[in-house]
N, C-alpha and C. Protein backbone atom coordinates (compact mmCIF):
# COMPACT_ATOMS: atom_id res chain seq x y z
N UNK A 1 -15.23 11.05 18.45
CA UNK A 1 -13.65 10.86 18.01
C UNK A 1 -13.26 9.66 18.48
N UNK A 2 -13.49 9.20 19.42
CA UNK A 2 -13.40 8.04 20.59
C UNK A 2 -13.69 6.73 19.50
N UNK A 3 -15.07 6.57 18.88
CA UNK A 3 -15.52 5.81 18.17
C UNK A 3 -14.52 5.63 17.39
N UNK A 4 -13.72 6.73 16.19
CA UNK A 4 -13.33 6.77 15.25
C UNK A 4 -11.98 6.10 15.39
N UNK A 5 -11.17 6.00 16.52
CA UNK A 5 -9.49 5.99 17.04
C UNK A 5 -10.05 4.13 17.34
N UNK A 6 -11.03 4.09 18.06
CA UNK A 6 -11.42 2.61 18.41
C UNK A 6 -11.20 1.52 16.92
N UNK A 7 -12.62 2.54 16.00
CA UNK A 7 -12.63 1.93 14.64
C UNK A 7 -11.07 1.67 13.61
N UNK A 8 -10.02 2.91 13.91
CA UNK A 8 -9.34 2.68 12.80
C UNK A 8 -8.03 1.61 13.26
N UNK A 9 -8.30 1.41 14.92
CA UNK A 9 -6.92 0.83 15.65
C UNK A 9 -7.60 -0.80 15.19
N UNK A 10 -8.84 -1.30 15.11
CA UNK A 10 -9.69 -2.60 14.68
C UNK A 10 -8.95 -2.63 13.21
N UNK A 11 -9.07 -1.99 12.51
CA UNK A 11 -8.68 -2.06 10.98
C UNK A 11 -7.41 -2.10 10.91
N UNK A 12 -6.41 -1.69 11.66
CA UNK A 12 -5.11 -1.48 11.65
C UNK A 12 -4.59 -3.25 12.08
N UNK A 13 -5.29 -3.84 13.07
CA UNK A 13 -5.35 -4.75 13.61
C UNK A 13 -5.42 -6.22 12.74
N UNK A 14 -6.52 -6.12 12.13
CA UNK A 14 -6.77 -6.74 10.86
C UNK A 14 -6.24 -6.95 9.65
N UNK A 15 -5.88 -5.61 9.35
CA UNK A 15 -4.74 -5.51 8.39
C UNK A 15 -3.35 -6.26 8.53
N UNK A 16 -2.81 -6.30 9.53
CA UNK A 16 -1.51 -6.77 10.04
C UNK A 16 -1.60 -8.31 9.99
N UNK A 17 -2.65 -9.07 10.51
CA UNK A 17 -2.88 -10.20 11.09
C UNK A 17 -3.28 -10.65 9.93
N UNK A 18 -3.52 -10.22 8.52
CA UNK A 18 -3.77 -11.65 6.84
C UNK A 18 -2.59 -11.95 6.69
N UNK A 19 -2.83 -13.00 5.67
CA UNK A 19 -1.49 -13.97 5.21
C UNK A 19 -1.75 -13.56 4.12
N UNK A 20 -1.14 -12.70 3.55
CA UNK A 20 -0.77 -12.41 1.85
C UNK A 20 -0.48 -13.36 1.11
N UNK A 21 -0.23 -14.50 1.73
CA UNK A 21 0.54 -15.28 1.02
C UNK A 21 -1.15 -16.08 0.33
N UNK A 22 -2.04 -15.79 0.73
CA UNK A 22 -3.01 -16.77 0.94
C UNK A 22 -4.01 -16.17 -0.39
N UNK A 23 -3.41 -14.90 -0.49
CA UNK A 23 -4.09 -13.89 -1.95
C UNK A 23 -3.42 -13.89 -3.07
N UNK A 24 -4.46 -14.47 -4.22
CA UNK A 24 -3.38 -14.18 -5.31
C UNK A 24 -2.97 -13.35 -5.71
N UNK A 25 -3.99 -12.14 -5.70
CA UNK A 25 -3.57 -10.73 -6.26
C UNK A 25 -2.79 -9.91 -5.36
N UNK A 26 -2.33 -10.80 -4.24
CA UNK A 26 -0.99 -10.22 -3.15
C UNK A 26 0.62 -10.47 -3.84
N UNK A 27 0.59 -11.06 -5.19
CA UNK A 27 2.07 -11.53 -5.74
C UNK A 27 2.91 -10.83 -5.89
N UNK A 28 4.07 -10.87 -5.72
CA UNK A 28 5.05 -9.59 -5.60
C UNK A 28 5.51 -8.95 -6.91
N UNK A 29 5.79 -7.46 -6.90
CA UNK A 29 5.67 -6.81 -8.26
C UNK A 29 7.01 -6.87 -8.41
N UNK A 30 8.00 -6.94 -9.32
CA UNK A 30 9.83 -7.36 -9.46
C UNK A 30 9.90 -5.81 -9.39
N UNK A 31 9.73 -4.62 -10.10
CA UNK A 31 9.99 -3.20 -10.32
C UNK A 31 9.44 -2.00 -9.32
N UNK A 32 9.63 -2.90 -8.00
CA UNK A 32 8.81 -1.93 -6.71
C UNK A 32 10.15 -1.45 -5.92
N UNK A 33 9.84 -0.23 -5.82
CA UNK A 33 10.72 1.00 -4.96
C UNK A 33 9.91 1.16 -3.67
N UNK A 34 8.71 2.23 -3.83
CA UNK A 34 8.40 2.95 -3.36
C UNK A 34 7.84 2.59 -2.09
N UNK A 35 7.17 0.71 -2.45
CA UNK A 35 6.91 0.04 -1.25
C UNK A 35 7.50 -0.78 -0.41
N UNK A 36 8.72 -0.34 -0.52
CA UNK A 36 9.81 -0.43 0.49
C UNK A 36 10.07 -0.18 2.01
N UNK A 37 10.56 -0.30 3.09
CA UNK A 37 10.69 0.07 4.41
C UNK A 37 11.51 1.15 4.16
N UNK A 38 12.76 1.07 3.21
CA UNK A 38 13.50 1.90 3.34
C UNK A 38 13.59 2.79 2.13
N UNK A 39 12.36 3.09 1.17
CA UNK A 39 12.22 3.71 0.09
C UNK A 39 11.92 4.97 0.89
N UNK A 40 11.72 5.75 -0.52
CA UNK A 40 11.48 6.84 -0.52
C UNK A 40 10.25 7.90 0.48
N UNK A 41 9.48 7.02 -0.03
CA UNK A 41 8.01 6.83 0.29
C UNK A 41 7.67 6.80 2.20
N UNK A 42 8.35 5.87 2.44
CA UNK A 42 8.03 5.76 3.85
C UNK A 42 9.25 6.57 4.61
N UNK A 43 10.23 6.26 3.96
CA UNK A 43 11.04 7.67 5.15
C UNK A 43 10.75 9.23 5.18
N UNK A 44 10.35 9.52 4.34
CA UNK A 44 9.46 10.66 3.51
C UNK A 44 8.25 10.96 4.97
N UNK A 45 7.63 9.63 5.18
CA UNK A 45 6.32 9.41 6.00
C UNK A 45 6.67 9.43 7.31
N UNK A 46 8.03 8.66 7.85
CA UNK A 46 8.66 8.68 9.21
C UNK A 46 8.54 9.93 9.77
N UNK A 47 9.34 10.93 8.91
CA UNK A 47 10.46 11.97 9.23
C UNK A 47 8.81 12.67 9.86
N UNK A 48 7.84 13.00 8.58
CA UNK A 48 6.77 13.38 8.98
C UNK A 48 5.73 13.21 9.95
N UNK A 49 5.75 11.83 10.48
CA UNK A 49 5.12 11.60 11.43
C UNK A 49 5.68 12.20 12.98
N UNK A 50 7.14 12.15 12.92
CA UNK A 50 8.40 12.59 13.92
C UNK A 50 8.07 13.94 14.29
N UNK A 51 8.02 14.99 13.22
CA UNK A 51 8.05 16.40 13.31
C UNK A 51 6.95 16.93 13.31
N UNK A 52 5.59 16.17 13.20
CA UNK A 52 4.61 16.83 13.12
C UNK A 52 3.52 17.46 11.93
N UNK A 53 4.31 17.38 10.67
CA UNK A 53 4.26 18.06 9.48
C UNK A 53 3.97 17.01 9.06
N UNK A 54 2.36 17.16 8.03
CA UNK A 54 2.24 16.17 7.12
C UNK A 54 2.58 16.87 5.65
N UNK A 55 3.42 17.74 5.30
CA UNK A 55 3.11 18.95 4.51
C UNK A 55 4.41 17.37 3.27
N UNK A 56 5.66 17.42 3.45
CA UNK A 56 6.33 17.02 3.00
C UNK A 56 6.05 15.58 1.87
N UNK A 57 4.85 15.06 2.67
CA UNK A 57 4.28 13.29 2.27
C UNK A 57 3.18 13.70 1.15
N UNK A 58 2.34 15.09 1.15
CA UNK A 58 1.85 15.33 0.27
C UNK A 58 2.44 15.03 -1.36
N UNK A 59 3.40 15.43 -1.46
CA UNK A 59 4.33 15.06 -2.73
C UNK A 59 4.11 13.94 -3.37
N UNK A 60 3.84 12.87 -2.47
CA UNK A 60 3.82 11.18 -2.68
C UNK A 60 2.26 10.71 -3.42
N UNK A 61 1.50 11.70 -3.56
CA UNK A 61 0.17 10.99 -3.84
C UNK A 61 -0.38 12.33 -4.68
N UNK A 62 -1.32 11.46 -5.31
CA UNK A 62 -2.35 12.66 -6.23
C UNK A 62 -3.46 13.69 -5.39
N UNK A 63 -3.81 14.18 -6.36
CA UNK A 63 -4.48 15.87 -5.31
C UNK A 63 -5.84 15.11 -5.22
N UNK A 64 -6.10 14.35 -5.68
CA UNK A 64 -7.63 13.45 -5.36
C UNK A 64 -7.39 12.66 -4.01
N UNK A 65 -6.27 12.29 -3.56
CA UNK A 65 -5.92 11.53 -2.48
C UNK A 65 -5.53 12.47 -1.29
N UNK A 66 -5.26 13.88 -1.30
CA UNK A 66 -4.98 14.52 -0.41
C UNK A 66 -5.63 14.71 0.90
N UNK A 67 -6.56 14.59 0.57
CA UNK A 67 -7.74 15.05 1.44
C UNK A 67 -7.40 13.94 2.44
N UNK A 68 -7.74 12.73 1.84
CA UNK A 68 -7.83 11.68 2.62
C UNK A 68 -6.30 11.28 3.55
N UNK A 69 -5.03 11.49 3.05
CA UNK A 69 -4.21 11.53 3.58
C UNK A 69 -4.00 12.41 5.12
N UNK A 70 -4.58 13.45 4.96
CA UNK A 70 -4.33 14.98 5.93
C UNK A 70 -4.91 14.14 7.06
N UNK A 71 -6.55 13.61 6.58
CA UNK A 71 -7.52 13.39 7.70
C UNK A 71 -6.89 12.15 8.50
N UNK A 72 -6.01 11.18 7.80
CA UNK A 72 -5.41 10.01 8.33
C UNK A 72 -4.20 10.54 8.86
N UNK A 73 -3.59 11.19 8.47
CA UNK A 73 -1.99 11.79 9.31
C UNK A 73 -3.30 12.18 10.81
N UNK A 74 -3.96 13.47 10.77
CA UNK A 74 -4.39 13.82 11.97
C UNK A 74 -4.53 12.64 12.76
N UNK A 75 -5.50 11.59 12.41
CA UNK A 75 -5.83 10.65 13.14
C UNK A 75 -4.81 9.57 14.33
N UNK A 76 -3.71 9.62 13.29
CA UNK A 76 -2.54 8.81 12.89
C UNK A 76 -1.59 9.31 14.46
N UNK A 77 -1.05 10.68 14.11
CA UNK A 77 -0.80 11.31 15.24
C UNK A 77 -1.68 11.27 16.94
N UNK A 78 -3.10 11.41 16.75
CA UNK A 78 -3.61 11.32 17.96
C UNK A 78 -3.54 9.75 18.44
N UNK A 79 -4.18 8.60 17.94
CA UNK A 79 -3.42 7.51 18.22
C UNK A 79 -2.10 7.04 18.95
N UNK A 80 -1.13 7.77 18.16
CA UNK A 80 0.03 7.68 18.60
C UNK A 80 0.47 8.02 19.78
N UNK A 81 -0.65 9.16 20.60
CA UNK A 81 -0.41 9.22 21.77
C UNK A 81 -1.04 8.28 23.02
N UNK A 82 -1.53 7.03 22.39
CA UNK A 82 -2.09 5.86 22.95
C UNK A 82 -1.03 5.13 23.60
N UNK A 83 0.05 5.38 23.37
CA UNK A 83 0.72 4.00 23.92
C UNK A 83 1.76 3.47 22.76
N UNK A 84 3.06 2.78 22.99
CA UNK A 84 3.79 2.39 21.86
C UNK A 84 3.26 1.78 21.07
N UNK A 85 2.77 0.60 21.70
CA UNK A 85 1.62 -0.48 20.76
C UNK A 85 0.70 -0.06 19.85
N UNK A 86 -0.10 1.42 20.15
CA UNK A 86 -0.89 1.90 19.38
C UNK A 86 0.02 2.72 18.30
N UNK A 87 0.94 3.27 18.66
CA UNK A 87 1.92 4.11 17.58
C UNK A 87 2.39 3.04 16.81
N UNK A 88 3.18 1.93 17.32
CA UNK A 88 3.50 0.88 16.01
C UNK A 88 2.39 0.70 15.26
N UNK A 89 0.98 0.10 15.70
CA UNK A 89 0.22 -0.11 14.57
C UNK A 89 -0.45 1.01 13.75
N UNK A 90 -0.66 2.19 14.16
CA UNK A 90 -0.95 3.59 13.42
C UNK A 90 -0.08 3.79 12.84
N UNK A 91 1.43 3.84 13.14
CA UNK A 91 2.12 4.31 12.04
C UNK A 91 2.45 2.90 10.77
N UNK A 92 2.03 2.10 10.75
CA UNK A 92 1.93 1.18 10.10
C UNK A 92 0.67 1.18 9.03
N UNK A 93 -0.44 1.49 9.96
CA UNK A 93 -1.22 1.65 8.76
C UNK A 93 -1.30 3.12 8.11
N UNK A 94 -0.92 3.95 8.68
CA UNK A 94 -0.56 5.37 7.78
C UNK A 94 0.33 4.97 6.26
N UNK A 95 1.44 4.31 6.52
CA UNK A 95 2.46 4.23 5.91
C UNK A 95 1.73 3.12 4.41
N UNK A 96 0.94 2.12 5.15
CA UNK A 96 0.79 1.24 4.37
C UNK A 96 -0.72 1.98 3.31
N UNK A 97 -1.53 2.94 3.42
CA UNK A 97 -2.33 3.56 2.96
C UNK A 97 -1.79 4.42 2.02
N UNK A 98 -0.52 5.27 2.65
CA UNK A 98 0.10 6.21 1.93
C UNK A 98 0.69 5.50 0.83
N UNK A 99 1.52 4.52 1.01
CA UNK A 99 2.14 4.02 0.12
C UNK A 99 1.22 3.27 -1.52
N UNK A 100 -0.02 2.58 -0.75
CA UNK A 100 -0.93 2.19 -1.66
C UNK A 100 -1.22 3.46 -2.49
N UNK A 101 -1.80 4.25 -1.94
CA UNK A 101 -2.24 5.40 -2.69
C UNK A 101 -1.39 6.18 -3.46
N UNK A 102 -0.38 6.06 -3.34
CA UNK A 102 1.13 6.48 -4.17
C UNK A 102 0.85 5.40 -5.43
N UNK A 103 0.95 4.05 -5.10
CA UNK A 103 1.21 3.17 -6.08
C UNK A 103 0.08 3.80 -7.05
N UNK A 104 -1.48 3.95 -6.61
CA UNK A 104 -2.63 4.03 -7.35
C UNK A 104 -2.27 5.26 -8.22
N UNK A 105 -1.44 5.80 -7.63
CA UNK A 105 -1.56 7.22 -8.51
C UNK A 105 -0.74 7.00 -10.01
N UNK A 106 0.46 5.89 -9.53
CA UNK A 106 1.40 5.36 -10.72
C UNK A 106 0.82 4.50 -11.73
N UNK A 107 -0.92 3.92 -10.93
CA UNK A 107 -1.10 2.75 -11.86
C UNK A 107 -1.01 1.65 -12.09
N UNK A 108 -0.20 1.37 -10.70
CA UNK A 108 0.56 0.58 -10.21
C UNK A 108 -0.40 -0.54 -9.08
N UNK A 109 -0.40 -1.61 -8.99
CA UNK A 109 -0.94 -2.93 -7.87
C UNK A 109 -0.49 -2.55 -6.47
N UNK A 110 -0.85 -2.55 -5.70
CA UNK A 110 -0.57 -2.44 -4.25
C UNK A 110 -0.34 -3.73 -3.70
N UNK A 111 0.56 -4.39 -3.29
CA UNK A 111 0.64 -5.71 -2.57
C UNK A 111 1.63 -5.83 -1.28
N UNK A 112 1.36 -4.62 -0.78
CA UNK A 112 1.66 -4.91 0.28
C UNK A 112 2.95 -4.39 0.49
N UNK A 113 3.62 -3.51 2.40
CA UNK A 113 5.04 -2.85 2.07
C UNK A 113 6.23 -3.91 2.08
N UNK A 114 7.16 -3.97 1.42
CA UNK A 114 8.11 -5.09 1.75
C UNK A 114 9.46 -4.88 2.43
N UNK A 115 9.99 -5.32 2.67
CA UNK A 115 11.16 -5.09 3.76
C UNK A 115 12.59 -4.12 3.01
N UNK A 116 13.02 -3.81 3.96
CA UNK A 116 14.32 -3.02 3.42
C UNK A 116 15.45 -4.04 2.96
N UNK A 117 16.19 -3.44 1.67
CA UNK A 117 17.00 -4.38 1.46
C UNK A 117 16.56 -4.60 0.18
N UNK A 118 15.73 -4.77 -0.66
CA UNK A 118 15.12 -5.78 -1.89
C UNK A 118 15.21 -4.90 -2.82
N UNK A 119 15.38 -3.74 -2.78
CA UNK A 119 15.58 -2.49 -4.09
C UNK A 119 16.90 -3.25 -4.99
N UNK A 120 16.55 -2.86 -6.29
CA UNK A 120 17.22 -3.12 -7.39
C UNK A 120 18.63 -1.90 -7.14
N UNK A 121 19.82 -2.28 -7.60
CA UNK A 121 21.02 -1.74 -7.47
C UNK A 121 20.51 -0.60 -8.46
N UNK A 122 20.04 -0.80 -9.80
CA UNK A 122 19.84 0.38 -10.37
C UNK A 122 19.29 1.52 -9.57
N UNK A 123 18.12 1.01 -8.57
CA UNK A 123 16.99 1.93 -7.98
C UNK A 123 17.82 2.75 -7.38
N UNK A 124 18.81 1.93 -6.47
CA UNK A 124 19.85 2.34 -5.34
C UNK A 124 21.03 3.55 -5.89
N UNK A 125 21.61 3.25 -6.79
CA UNK A 125 22.25 4.21 -7.65
C UNK A 125 21.49 5.12 -8.39
N UNK A 126 20.09 5.36 -8.46
CA UNK A 126 19.69 6.17 -8.74
C UNK A 126 19.32 7.32 -7.64
N UNK A 127 19.12 6.59 -6.22
CA UNK A 127 18.81 7.32 -5.76
C UNK A 127 20.25 8.33 -4.93
N UNK A 128 21.48 7.23 -5.25
CA UNK A 128 22.59 7.82 -4.78
C UNK A 128 23.02 9.48 -5.59
N UNK A 129 22.65 9.03 -7.09
CA UNK A 129 22.87 10.29 -8.17
C UNK A 129 21.93 11.31 -7.82
N UNK A 130 20.41 11.51 -6.98
CA UNK A 130 20.42 12.51 -6.71
C UNK A 130 20.39 13.26 -5.75
N UNK A 131 21.32 12.26 -4.53
CA UNK A 131 22.18 12.63 -3.23
C UNK A 131 23.27 13.18 -3.74
N UNK A 132 24.15 12.88 -4.77
CA UNK A 132 25.70 13.27 -4.97
C UNK A 132 25.79 14.42 -5.93
N UNK A 133 24.58 14.00 -6.72
CA UNK A 133 24.52 15.40 -7.99
C UNK A 133 25.38 14.85 -9.18
N UNK A 134 25.54 13.72 -9.20
CA UNK A 134 25.64 13.18 -10.50
C UNK A 134 25.59 11.52 -10.57
N UNK A 135 25.11 11.23 -12.19
CA UNK A 135 24.35 10.11 -12.47
C UNK A 135 25.73 9.50 -13.41
N UNK A 136 26.89 9.72 -13.04
CA UNK A 136 27.89 8.98 -13.80
C UNK A 136 28.02 7.50 -13.40
N UNK A 137 27.82 7.02 -12.11
CA UNK A 137 28.15 6.07 -12.00
C UNK A 137 26.45 4.67 -12.14
N UNK A 138 25.61 5.82 -12.33
CA UNK A 138 24.38 5.10 -12.64
C UNK A 138 24.49 4.69 -14.09
N UNK A 139 24.79 5.95 -15.14
CA UNK A 139 25.02 5.38 -16.40
C UNK A 139 25.89 4.00 -16.78
N UNK A 140 27.09 4.26 -16.10
CA UNK A 140 27.73 3.31 -16.17
C UNK A 140 27.46 1.92 -16.03
N UNK A 141 26.62 1.50 -14.73
CA UNK A 141 26.04 0.55 -14.57
C UNK A 141 25.11 0.37 -15.67
N UNK A 142 23.94 0.93 -16.17
CA UNK A 142 23.13 0.76 -16.99
C UNK A 142 23.72 0.87 -18.32
N UNK A 143 24.60 0.96 -18.64
CA UNK A 143 25.09 0.70 -19.84
C UNK A 143 25.75 -0.62 -19.98
N UNK A 144 26.57 -0.74 -19.06
CA UNK A 144 27.13 -1.85 -19.29
C UNK A 144 26.28 -3.04 -18.68
N UNK A 145 25.44 -3.32 -18.10
CA UNK A 145 24.24 -4.39 -18.27
C UNK A 145 23.64 -4.62 -19.27
N UNK A 146 23.43 -3.24 -19.89
CA UNK A 146 22.36 -3.35 -21.28
C UNK A 146 23.90 -3.98 -22.24
N UNK A 147 24.67 -3.84 -22.30
CA UNK A 147 25.90 -4.01 -23.47
C UNK A 147 26.17 -5.54 -23.21
N UNK A 148 26.17 -5.60 -21.99
CA UNK A 148 26.31 -7.43 -21.68
C UNK A 148 24.84 -8.23 -21.86
N UNK A 149 23.78 -7.74 -21.91
CA UNK A 149 22.63 -8.09 -22.03
C UNK A 149 22.69 -8.35 -23.75
N UNK A 150 23.02 -7.09 -24.47
CA UNK A 150 22.86 -7.41 -26.15
C UNK A 150 23.72 -8.34 -26.41
N UNK A 151 25.07 -8.54 -26.32
CA UNK A 151 26.19 -9.18 -26.36
C UNK A 151 25.47 -11.01 -26.39
N UNK A 152 25.14 -11.16 -24.87
CA UNK A 152 24.79 -12.67 -24.86
C UNK A 152 23.84 -13.19 -25.37
N UNK A 153 23.02 -11.90 -26.18
CA UNK A 153 21.38 -12.73 -26.74
C UNK A 153 21.86 -12.80 -28.30
N UNK A 154 22.91 -11.70 -28.79
CA UNK A 154 23.68 -11.82 -30.02
C UNK A 154 24.33 -12.72 -30.36
N UNK A 155 25.13 -13.41 -29.38
CA UNK A 155 25.89 -14.63 -29.66
C UNK A 155 25.19 -15.78 -30.03
N UNK A 156 24.17 -15.61 -28.84
CA UNK A 156 23.26 -17.11 -28.90
C UNK A 156 22.40 -16.92 -30.36
N UNK A 157 21.90 -15.91 -30.47
CA UNK A 157 21.09 -16.14 -31.93
C UNK A 157 22.18 -16.21 -33.03
N UNK A 158 22.95 -15.99 -33.27
CA UNK A 158 24.08 -15.62 -34.65
C UNK A 158 24.36 -17.06 -34.36
N UNK A 159 24.77 -18.08 -32.97
CA UNK A 159 25.50 -19.41 -33.25
C UNK A 159 23.69 -20.23 -33.85
N UNK A 160 23.14 -19.92 -33.15
CA UNK A 160 22.01 -20.78 -33.63
C UNK A 160 21.44 -20.50 -35.13
N UNK A 161 21.82 -19.15 -35.89
CA UNK A 161 21.15 -18.60 -37.33
C UNK A 161 22.02 -19.85 -37.70
N UNK A 162 23.30 -20.53 -37.59
CA UNK A 162 24.14 -21.54 -38.48
C UNK A 162 23.78 -22.47 -38.45
N UNK A 163 22.38 -23.48 -37.63
CA UNK A 163 22.47 -24.35 -37.79
C UNK A 163 20.72 -24.78 -38.04
N UNK A 164 20.17 -23.32 -38.11
CA UNK A 164 18.43 -23.08 -38.77
C UNK A 164 17.73 -23.93 -39.25
N UNK A 165 18.66 -24.19 -40.35
CA UNK A 165 17.82 -24.88 -41.21
C UNK A 165 18.28 -26.46 -41.50
N UNK A 166 18.84 -26.79 -40.66
CA UNK A 166 19.63 -28.44 -40.35
C UNK A 166 18.56 -29.07 -39.88
N UNK A 167 17.14 -29.20 -39.22
CA UNK A 167 16.17 -29.77 -38.69
C UNK A 167 15.09 -28.33 -37.93
N UNK A 168 13.98 -29.16 -38.20
CA UNK A 168 12.99 -28.35 -37.20
C UNK A 168 13.22 -27.76 -36.07
N UNK A 169 13.72 -28.72 -35.02
CA UNK A 169 13.82 -28.72 -33.73
C UNK A 169 15.12 -27.34 -33.73
N UNK A 170 16.05 -27.21 -34.80
CA UNK A 170 17.12 -26.17 -34.70
C UNK A 170 16.69 -24.62 -35.48
N UNK A 171 15.81 -25.31 -36.25
CA UNK A 171 15.08 -23.96 -36.56
C UNK A 171 14.12 -23.09 -35.54
N UNK A 172 13.63 -23.89 -34.74
CA UNK A 172 13.27 -23.60 -33.28
C UNK A 172 13.78 -22.66 -32.38
N UNK A 173 15.07 -23.65 -32.18
CA UNK A 173 16.06 -23.36 -31.39
C UNK A 173 16.63 -21.35 -31.83
N UNK A 174 16.60 -21.57 -33.14
CA UNK A 174 17.09 -20.72 -33.59
C UNK A 174 16.00 -18.84 -33.47
N UNK A 175 14.63 -19.64 -33.59
CA UNK A 175 13.28 -18.55 -33.43
C UNK A 175 13.92 -18.21 -31.90
N UNK A 176 13.52 -18.90 -31.13
CA UNK A 176 14.00 -18.84 -30.02
C UNK A 176 15.02 -17.50 -29.44
N UNK A 177 15.96 -17.75 -29.87
CA UNK A 177 17.13 -16.98 -29.74
C UNK A 177 17.02 -15.47 -30.50
N UNK A 178 16.30 -15.94 -31.66
CA UNK A 178 15.87 -14.28 -31.88
C UNK A 178 15.05 -13.25 -31.86
N UNK A 179 13.93 -14.10 -31.15
CA UNK A 179 13.09 -13.67 -30.34
C UNK A 179 13.23 -12.88 -29.04
N UNK A 180 14.04 -13.36 -28.52
CA UNK A 180 14.89 -13.10 -27.25
C UNK A 180 15.80 -11.93 -27.75
N UNK A 181 16.55 -11.81 -28.53
CA UNK A 181 17.61 -10.88 -29.19
C UNK A 181 16.88 -9.64 -29.53
N UNK A 182 15.68 -9.52 -30.50
CA UNK A 182 15.35 -8.50 -30.97
C UNK A 182 14.16 -7.78 -29.87
N UNK A 183 13.58 -8.84 -29.48
CA UNK A 183 12.97 -8.05 -28.26
C UNK A 183 13.69 -7.14 -26.95
N UNK A 184 14.53 -8.01 -26.72
CA UNK A 184 15.32 -7.34 -25.78
C UNK A 184 16.08 -5.97 -26.17
N UNK A 185 16.70 -5.76 -27.48
CA UNK A 185 16.80 -5.01 -28.09
C UNK A 185 16.13 -3.86 -28.32
N UNK A 186 14.55 -4.30 -28.68
CA UNK A 186 13.56 -3.13 -28.82
C UNK A 186 12.74 -2.28 -27.53
N UNK A 187 12.95 -3.48 -26.54
CA UNK A 187 12.43 -2.56 -25.40
C UNK A 187 13.25 -1.74 -24.75
N UNK A 188 15.15 -2.28 -24.94
CA UNK A 188 15.75 -1.35 -24.75
C UNK A 188 16.02 0.07 -25.29
N UNK A 189 15.25 -0.35 -26.72
CA UNK A 189 15.64 0.97 -27.25
C UNK A 189 14.41 1.88 -26.70
N UNK A 190 13.11 1.37 -26.97
CA UNK A 190 12.02 1.97 -26.48
C UNK A 190 11.89 2.52 -25.20
N UNK A 191 12.30 2.20 -24.02
CA UNK A 191 12.86 2.86 -22.85
C UNK A 191 13.67 3.90 -23.03
N UNK A 192 14.68 3.62 -23.39
CA UNK A 192 15.80 4.62 -23.88
C UNK A 192 15.70 6.23 -24.20
N UNK A 193 14.37 5.46 -25.33
CA UNK A 193 13.79 6.78 -25.89
C UNK A 193 12.73 7.35 -25.19
N UNK A 194 11.99 6.86 -24.63
CA UNK A 194 11.04 7.41 -23.90
C UNK A 194 11.01 8.62 -23.42
N UNK A 195 9.94 9.59 -23.77
CA UNK A 195 10.36 11.34 -23.04
C UNK A 195 9.85 10.92 -21.69
N UNK A 196 10.74 11.79 -21.06
CA UNK A 196 10.70 11.72 -19.14
C UNK A 196 9.05 12.47 -18.90
N UNK A 197 8.54 11.60 -17.95
CA UNK A 197 7.45 11.64 -17.37
C UNK A 197 5.96 10.99 -17.88
N UNK A 198 6.80 10.18 -19.07
CA UNK A 198 5.80 9.09 -19.84
C UNK A 198 5.96 7.71 -18.95
N UNK A 199 5.38 7.90 -17.73
CA UNK A 199 5.92 6.44 -16.80
C UNK A 199 4.96 5.34 -17.14
N UNK A 200 5.71 4.29 -17.26
CA UNK A 200 5.39 3.39 -18.50
C UNK A 200 4.65 2.85 -19.59
N UNK A 201 5.40 4.18 -19.93
CA UNK A 201 4.67 4.05 -21.72
C UNK A 201 5.28 3.65 -22.60
N UNK A 202 6.59 3.55 -22.50
CA UNK A 202 7.74 2.48 -23.25
C UNK A 202 7.30 1.04 -23.13
N UNK A 203 7.27 0.41 -22.32
CA UNK A 203 7.09 -0.91 -21.68
C UNK A 203 5.44 -1.02 -22.54
N UNK A 204 4.65 -0.55 -22.18
CA UNK A 204 3.46 -0.52 -22.61
C UNK A 204 3.46 -0.78 -24.46
N UNK A 205 4.34 0.63 -24.85
CA UNK A 205 4.19 0.68 -26.12
C UNK A 205 4.60 -0.89 -26.59
N UNK A 206 5.90 -1.40 -26.14
CA UNK A 206 6.82 -2.60 -26.56
C UNK A 206 5.60 -3.80 -26.53
N UNK A 207 5.29 -3.96 -25.75
CA UNK A 207 3.98 -4.76 -25.23
C UNK A 207 2.56 -4.77 -26.04
N UNK A 208 2.42 -3.94 -26.78
CA UNK A 208 1.26 -3.52 -27.86
C UNK A 208 1.41 -4.14 -28.96
N UNK A 209 2.59 -3.57 -29.42
CA UNK A 209 3.70 -3.86 -30.34
C UNK A 209 3.43 -5.59 -30.87
N UNK A 210 4.26 -6.06 -29.66
CA UNK A 210 4.46 -7.45 -29.59
C UNK A 210 3.22 -8.21 -29.71
N UNK A 211 2.24 -7.93 -29.25
CA UNK A 211 0.41 -8.70 -29.38
C UNK A 211 -0.05 -8.43 -30.98
N UNK A 212 0.54 -7.88 -31.85
CA UNK A 212 0.09 -7.75 -33.08
C UNK A 212 0.83 -8.37 -33.76
């Protein structure tokens, strides 16, 4: 057991000193939420570590990763008793592993834990909706943003269309505006019409359509 703990601490130390900026596969992902320090996965994990019960954490990973999280959780609790520095390192490694496996379960890449406060406004409102029991503010936020986006792209395409036949350059300007306008509308519709539970399916369908 002692060798296992030493190995765990070595792995944690190496993980924390890696320069993520030097790795091309660690580029930031735009729509990240569960990998932030103030996200629901990390919050659940921190509470679980303090209370000594791993059960609430398990919902964030797929069944095939449950055993790994349980084992790491036990080791983390043991390492936490070795002092404050060991606790911080062990906690960080547990959080990193938990979020990585959660992301894997979503079919998404893991690029490291993000700092708190980088969550998109829509995600913040989504969390608030679940806390308050009302989604009205979220609906208002997204509806207004979508309407604004449609109107802006429509206006640009409409104006560009007036001059589309004046020159090749003007025609290309119209095509660019037209593509942005129609693709934006198409993606909004796909996302809005997608059935709940089909995570990422709408966006993938749009991308596949555009590829043909």
